[in-house]
C-alpha cells in the first residue's frame, strides 16, 4: 500500500477495477505455459539451496503435445517471455 501511494497510485481504485487478469490476446500463451508449468529444471546452488534455470524444453514439448496445443513460433516466443518472468520470480529476482 505504501509503495502504491509513493508512486501516486490509488490502490483502492485499482483493486475495484474489473479489467484485471489475463488479456484475451495473451490467453493462449498463458494456457500453454500453465500446461507445462511443472517442467522446470533446477540446480543446486550451494548451502542446500536450489535455483531454477529454465523450462525443460523436451518436457515442455511433450507436455504441449499431450495437451493438444499446437505450438507456433509466436506462441513459443510468448511462452519463453513468460518463462523469463517466472524465472526471475522463482529465483527471488523480481516480478
N, C-alpha and C. Protein backbone atom coordinates (compact mmCIF):
# COMPACT_ATOMS: atom_id res chain seq x y z
N UNK A 1 0.83 -1.18 0.00
CA UNK A 1 0.00 0.00 0.00
C UNK A 1 0.88 1.25 0.00
N UNK A 2 1.95 1.22 0.80
CA UNK A 2 2.84 2.38 0.86
C UNK A 2 3.51 2.60 -0.49
N UNK A 3 3.90 1.51 -1.16
CA UNK A 3 4.52 1.64 -2.48
C UNK A 3 3.55 2.26 -3.47
N UNK A 4 2.30 1.85 -3.42
CA UNK A 4 1.29 2.42 -4.32
C UNK A 4 1.15 3.91 -4.09
N UNK A 5 1.08 4.32 -2.83
CA UNK A 5 0.95 5.75 -2.53
C UNK A 5 2.19 6.51 -2.99
N UNK A 6 3.36 5.92 -2.79
CA UNK A 6 4.61 6.58 -3.17
C UNK A 6 4.64 6.88 -4.66
N UNK A 7 4.05 5.99 -5.47
CA UNK A 7 4.03 6.19 -6.91
C UNK A 7 2.77 6.90 -7.39
N UNK A 8 1.98 7.41 -6.45
CA UNK A 8 0.80 8.18 -6.81
C UNK A 8 -0.37 7.36 -7.29
N UNK A 9 -0.38 6.08 -6.94
CA UNK A 9 -1.48 5.20 -7.36
C UNK A 9 -2.58 5.19 -6.31
N UNK A 10 -3.80 5.14 -6.79
CA UNK A 10 -4.94 4.96 -5.91
C UNK A 10 -5.22 3.46 -5.86
N UNK A 11 -4.69 2.79 -4.85
CA UNK A 11 -4.77 1.34 -4.76
C UNK A 11 -6.21 0.85 -4.67
N UNK A 12 -7.05 1.55 -3.92
CA UNK A 12 -8.45 1.12 -3.82
C UNK A 12 -9.13 1.14 -5.19
N UNK A 13 -8.84 2.16 -5.99
CA UNK A 13 -9.41 2.23 -7.33
C UNK A 13 -8.89 1.07 -8.19
N UNK A 14 -7.61 0.79 -8.09
CA UNK A 14 -7.02 -0.30 -8.87
C UNK A 14 -7.61 -1.65 -8.48
N UNK A 15 -7.87 -1.85 -7.20
CA UNK A 15 -8.41 -3.13 -6.74
C UNK A 15 -9.88 -3.30 -7.11
N UNK A 16 -10.59 -2.19 -7.32
CA UNK A 16 -12.01 -2.26 -7.68
C UNK A 16 -12.24 -2.45 -9.18
N UNK A 17 -11.19 -2.38 -9.98
CA UNK A 17 -11.35 -2.47 -11.43
C UNK A 17 -11.69 -3.88 -11.85
N UNK A 18 -12.49 -3.98 -12.90
CA UNK A 18 -12.89 -5.28 -13.44
C UNK A 18 -11.98 -5.77 -14.56
N UNK A 19 -11.01 -4.95 -14.99
CA UNK A 19 -10.21 -5.32 -16.15
C UNK A 19 -8.90 -6.01 -15.79
N UNK A 20 -8.80 -6.54 -14.59
CA UNK A 20 -7.59 -7.24 -14.20
C UNK A 20 -7.66 -8.68 -14.64
N UNK A 21 -6.54 -9.30 -14.76
CA UNK A 21 -6.49 -10.69 -15.19
C UNK A 21 -5.72 -10.81 -16.48
N UNK A 22 -5.97 -11.88 -17.20
CA UNK A 22 -5.26 -12.14 -18.45
C UNK A 22 -6.01 -11.49 -19.60
N UNK A 23 -5.30 -10.71 -20.37
CA UNK A 23 -5.91 -10.10 -21.55
C UNK A 23 -6.19 -11.19 -22.57
N UNK A 24 -7.26 -11.06 -23.32
CA UNK A 24 -7.64 -12.10 -24.29
C UNK A 24 -6.51 -12.46 -25.27
N UNK A 25 -5.74 -11.47 -25.69
CA UNK A 25 -4.66 -11.75 -26.66
C UNK A 25 -3.51 -12.56 -26.05
N UNK A 26 -3.49 -12.68 -24.72
CA UNK A 26 -2.44 -13.46 -24.05
C UNK A 26 -2.96 -14.78 -23.50
N UNK A 27 -4.24 -15.04 -23.64
CA UNK A 27 -4.85 -16.23 -23.03
C UNK A 27 -4.24 -17.53 -23.53
N UNK A 28 -3.97 -17.65 -24.82
CA UNK A 28 -3.40 -18.89 -25.35
C UNK A 28 -2.01 -19.15 -24.79
N UNK A 29 -1.20 -18.09 -24.69
CA UNK A 29 0.15 -18.25 -24.15
C UNK A 29 0.12 -18.64 -22.68
N UNK A 30 -0.76 -18.03 -21.93
CA UNK A 30 -0.88 -18.36 -20.50
C UNK A 30 -1.36 -19.79 -20.34
N UNK A 31 -2.34 -20.20 -21.12
CA UNK A 31 -2.84 -21.58 -21.04
C UNK A 31 -1.74 -22.57 -21.39
N UNK A 32 -0.96 -22.27 -22.42
CA UNK A 32 0.14 -23.16 -22.82
C UNK A 32 1.19 -23.22 -21.72
N UNK A 33 1.54 -22.08 -21.15
CA UNK A 33 2.54 -22.06 -20.08
C UNK A 33 2.05 -22.85 -18.88
N UNK A 34 0.80 -22.69 -18.52
CA UNK A 34 0.26 -23.43 -17.38
C UNK A 34 0.25 -24.93 -17.64
N UNK A 35 0.08 -25.33 -18.90
CA UNK A 35 0.08 -26.76 -19.24
C UNK A 35 1.45 -27.39 -19.01
N UNK A 36 2.51 -26.58 -19.03
CA UNK A 36 3.87 -27.12 -18.86
C UNK A 36 4.56 -26.54 -17.63
N UNK A 37 3.79 -25.97 -16.74
CA UNK A 37 4.38 -25.25 -15.60
C UNK A 37 5.08 -26.16 -14.59
N UNK A 38 5.01 -27.46 -14.77
CA UNK A 38 5.75 -28.38 -13.88
C UNK A 38 7.07 -28.82 -14.49
N UNK A 39 7.41 -28.32 -15.65
CA UNK A 39 8.58 -28.81 -16.39
C UNK A 39 9.83 -27.95 -16.18
N UNK A 40 10.09 -27.56 -14.95
CA UNK A 40 11.26 -26.72 -14.65
C UNK A 40 12.51 -27.56 -14.45
N UNK A 41 13.65 -27.00 -14.83
CA UNK A 41 14.95 -27.58 -14.50
C UNK A 41 15.50 -26.79 -13.32
N UNK A 42 15.97 -27.52 -12.32
CA UNK A 42 16.51 -26.92 -11.11
C UNK A 42 17.93 -27.41 -10.91
N UNK A 43 18.78 -26.57 -10.32
CA UNK A 43 20.14 -26.98 -9.96
C UNK A 43 20.39 -26.57 -8.51
N UNK A 44 21.28 -27.30 -7.87
CA UNK A 44 21.69 -26.93 -6.53
C UNK A 44 22.54 -25.67 -6.58
N UNK A 45 22.35 -24.81 -5.60
CA UNK A 45 23.12 -23.56 -5.61
C UNK A 45 23.95 -23.40 -4.35
N UNK A 46 24.31 -24.50 -3.73
CA UNK A 46 25.16 -24.44 -2.55
C UNK A 46 24.37 -24.16 -1.29
N UNK A 47 24.89 -24.62 -0.18
CA UNK A 47 24.27 -24.41 1.13
C UNK A 47 22.82 -24.91 1.16
N UNK A 48 22.52 -25.93 0.36
CA UNK A 48 21.19 -26.52 0.37
C UNK A 48 20.16 -25.79 -0.45
N UNK A 49 20.54 -24.76 -1.15
CA UNK A 49 19.59 -24.00 -1.96
C UNK A 49 19.44 -24.58 -3.35
N UNK A 50 18.41 -24.18 -4.02
CA UNK A 50 18.20 -24.57 -5.41
C UNK A 50 17.85 -23.33 -6.23
N UNK A 51 18.09 -23.44 -7.53
CA UNK A 51 17.82 -22.33 -8.43
C UNK A 51 17.20 -22.88 -9.71
N UNK A 52 16.14 -22.25 -10.15
CA UNK A 52 15.53 -22.63 -11.43
C UNK A 52 16.40 -22.10 -12.56
N UNK A 53 16.64 -22.93 -13.57
CA UNK A 53 17.45 -22.47 -14.71
C UNK A 53 16.64 -22.38 -16.00
N UNK A 54 15.39 -22.78 -15.95
CA UNK A 54 14.53 -22.67 -17.11
C UNK A 54 13.66 -23.89 -17.28
N UNK A 55 12.81 -23.83 -18.26
CA UNK A 55 11.96 -24.97 -18.57
C UNK A 55 12.79 -26.06 -19.24
N UNK A 56 12.43 -27.30 -18.98
CA UNK A 56 13.00 -28.44 -19.70
C UNK A 56 12.24 -28.48 -21.03
N UNK A 57 12.89 -28.05 -22.10
CA UNK A 57 12.19 -27.89 -23.37
C UNK A 57 11.69 -29.20 -23.95
N UNK A 58 12.39 -30.30 -23.71
CA UNK A 58 11.89 -31.60 -24.18
C UNK A 58 10.61 -31.96 -23.43
N UNK A 59 10.61 -31.75 -22.12
CA UNK A 59 9.41 -32.00 -21.32
C UNK A 59 8.29 -31.05 -21.70
N UNK A 60 8.65 -29.80 -21.98
CA UNK A 60 7.64 -28.82 -22.38
C UNK A 60 7.01 -29.21 -23.72
N UNK A 61 7.84 -29.64 -24.65
CA UNK A 61 7.33 -30.07 -25.96
C UNK A 61 6.37 -31.24 -25.81
N UNK A 62 6.75 -32.21 -24.99
CA UNK A 62 5.87 -33.37 -24.76
C UNK A 62 4.58 -32.94 -24.07
N UNK A 63 4.69 -32.08 -23.07
CA UNK A 63 3.50 -31.62 -22.35
C UNK A 63 2.54 -30.86 -23.24
N UNK A 64 3.07 -30.02 -24.10
CA UNK A 64 2.22 -29.26 -25.02
C UNK A 64 1.53 -30.19 -26.01
N UNK A 65 2.28 -31.17 -26.51
CA UNK A 65 1.69 -32.14 -27.45
C UNK A 65 0.59 -32.95 -26.77
N UNK A 66 0.85 -33.41 -25.55
CA UNK A 66 -0.15 -34.20 -24.83
C UNK A 66 -1.39 -33.38 -24.49
N UNK A 67 -1.20 -32.07 -24.31
CA UNK A 67 -2.34 -31.20 -24.02
C UNK A 67 -3.09 -30.81 -25.29
N UNK A 68 -2.56 -31.23 -26.45
CA UNK A 68 -3.22 -30.90 -27.71
C UNK A 68 -3.03 -29.47 -28.15
N UNK A 69 -1.95 -28.86 -27.68
CA UNK A 69 -1.68 -27.45 -28.01
C UNK A 69 -0.71 -27.39 -29.18
N UNK A 70 -1.15 -26.78 -30.28
CA UNK A 70 -0.29 -26.62 -31.45
C UNK A 70 0.63 -25.42 -31.21
N UNK A 71 1.91 -25.67 -31.27
CA UNK A 71 2.88 -24.62 -30.97
C UNK A 71 3.36 -23.96 -32.26
N UNK A 72 3.10 -22.68 -32.36
CA UNK A 72 3.61 -21.87 -33.46
C UNK A 72 4.83 -21.11 -32.95
N UNK A 73 5.56 -20.50 -33.86
CA UNK A 73 6.71 -19.69 -33.45
C UNK A 73 6.28 -18.55 -32.53
N UNK A 74 5.16 -17.93 -32.83
CA UNK A 74 4.67 -16.82 -31.99
C UNK A 74 4.27 -17.31 -30.60
N UNK A 75 3.60 -18.46 -30.54
CA UNK A 75 3.22 -19.00 -29.23
C UNK A 75 4.45 -19.37 -28.43
N UNK A 76 5.43 -20.01 -29.06
CA UNK A 76 6.65 -20.38 -28.34
C UNK A 76 7.37 -19.14 -27.81
N UNK A 77 7.42 -18.10 -28.62
CA UNK A 77 8.04 -16.85 -28.17
C UNK A 77 7.33 -16.30 -26.94
N UNK A 78 6.01 -16.32 -26.96
CA UNK A 78 5.24 -15.83 -25.80
C UNK A 78 5.50 -16.69 -24.57
N UNK A 79 5.60 -18.00 -24.76
CA UNK A 79 5.89 -18.90 -23.63
C UNK A 79 7.25 -18.56 -23.04
N UNK A 80 8.25 -18.31 -23.88
CA UNK A 80 9.58 -18.01 -23.36
C UNK A 80 9.62 -16.65 -22.66
N UNK A 81 8.78 -15.72 -23.07
CA UNK A 81 8.69 -14.44 -22.35
C UNK A 81 8.12 -14.66 -20.95
N UNK A 82 7.08 -15.50 -20.86
CA UNK A 82 6.52 -15.83 -19.55
C UNK A 82 7.56 -16.57 -18.72
N UNK A 83 8.29 -17.49 -19.36
CA UNK A 83 9.34 -18.24 -18.67
C UNK A 83 10.36 -17.29 -18.05
N UNK A 84 10.78 -16.27 -18.79
CA UNK A 84 11.78 -15.32 -18.28
C UNK A 84 11.27 -14.60 -17.04
N UNK A 85 10.03 -14.17 -17.06
CA UNK A 85 9.46 -13.52 -15.88
C UNK A 85 9.32 -14.47 -14.72
N UNK A 86 8.91 -15.70 -15.00
CA UNK A 86 8.77 -16.70 -13.94
C UNK A 86 10.12 -17.05 -13.34
N UNK A 87 11.15 -17.13 -14.17
CA UNK A 87 12.50 -17.41 -13.65
C UNK A 87 12.93 -16.35 -12.65
N UNK A 88 12.70 -15.10 -13.00
CA UNK A 88 13.06 -14.02 -12.08
C UNK A 88 12.31 -14.16 -10.77
N UNK A 89 11.03 -14.44 -10.84
CA UNK A 89 10.22 -14.58 -9.62
C UNK A 89 10.64 -15.81 -8.82
N UNK A 90 10.86 -16.94 -9.48
CA UNK A 90 11.24 -18.17 -8.79
C UNK A 90 12.58 -18.03 -8.07
N UNK A 91 13.47 -17.25 -8.67
CA UNK A 91 14.81 -17.09 -8.10
C UNK A 91 14.94 -15.85 -7.24
N UNK A 92 13.82 -15.24 -6.89
CA UNK A 92 13.84 -14.10 -5.98
C UNK A 92 14.31 -12.81 -6.59
N UNK A 93 14.30 -12.71 -7.91
CA UNK A 93 14.81 -11.52 -8.56
C UNK A 93 13.78 -10.54 -9.04
N UNK A 94 12.54 -10.68 -8.67
CA UNK A 94 11.54 -9.71 -9.08
C UNK A 94 10.27 -10.36 -9.58
N UNK A 95 9.41 -9.51 -10.15
CA UNK A 95 8.09 -9.98 -10.57
C UNK A 95 8.14 -10.98 -11.71
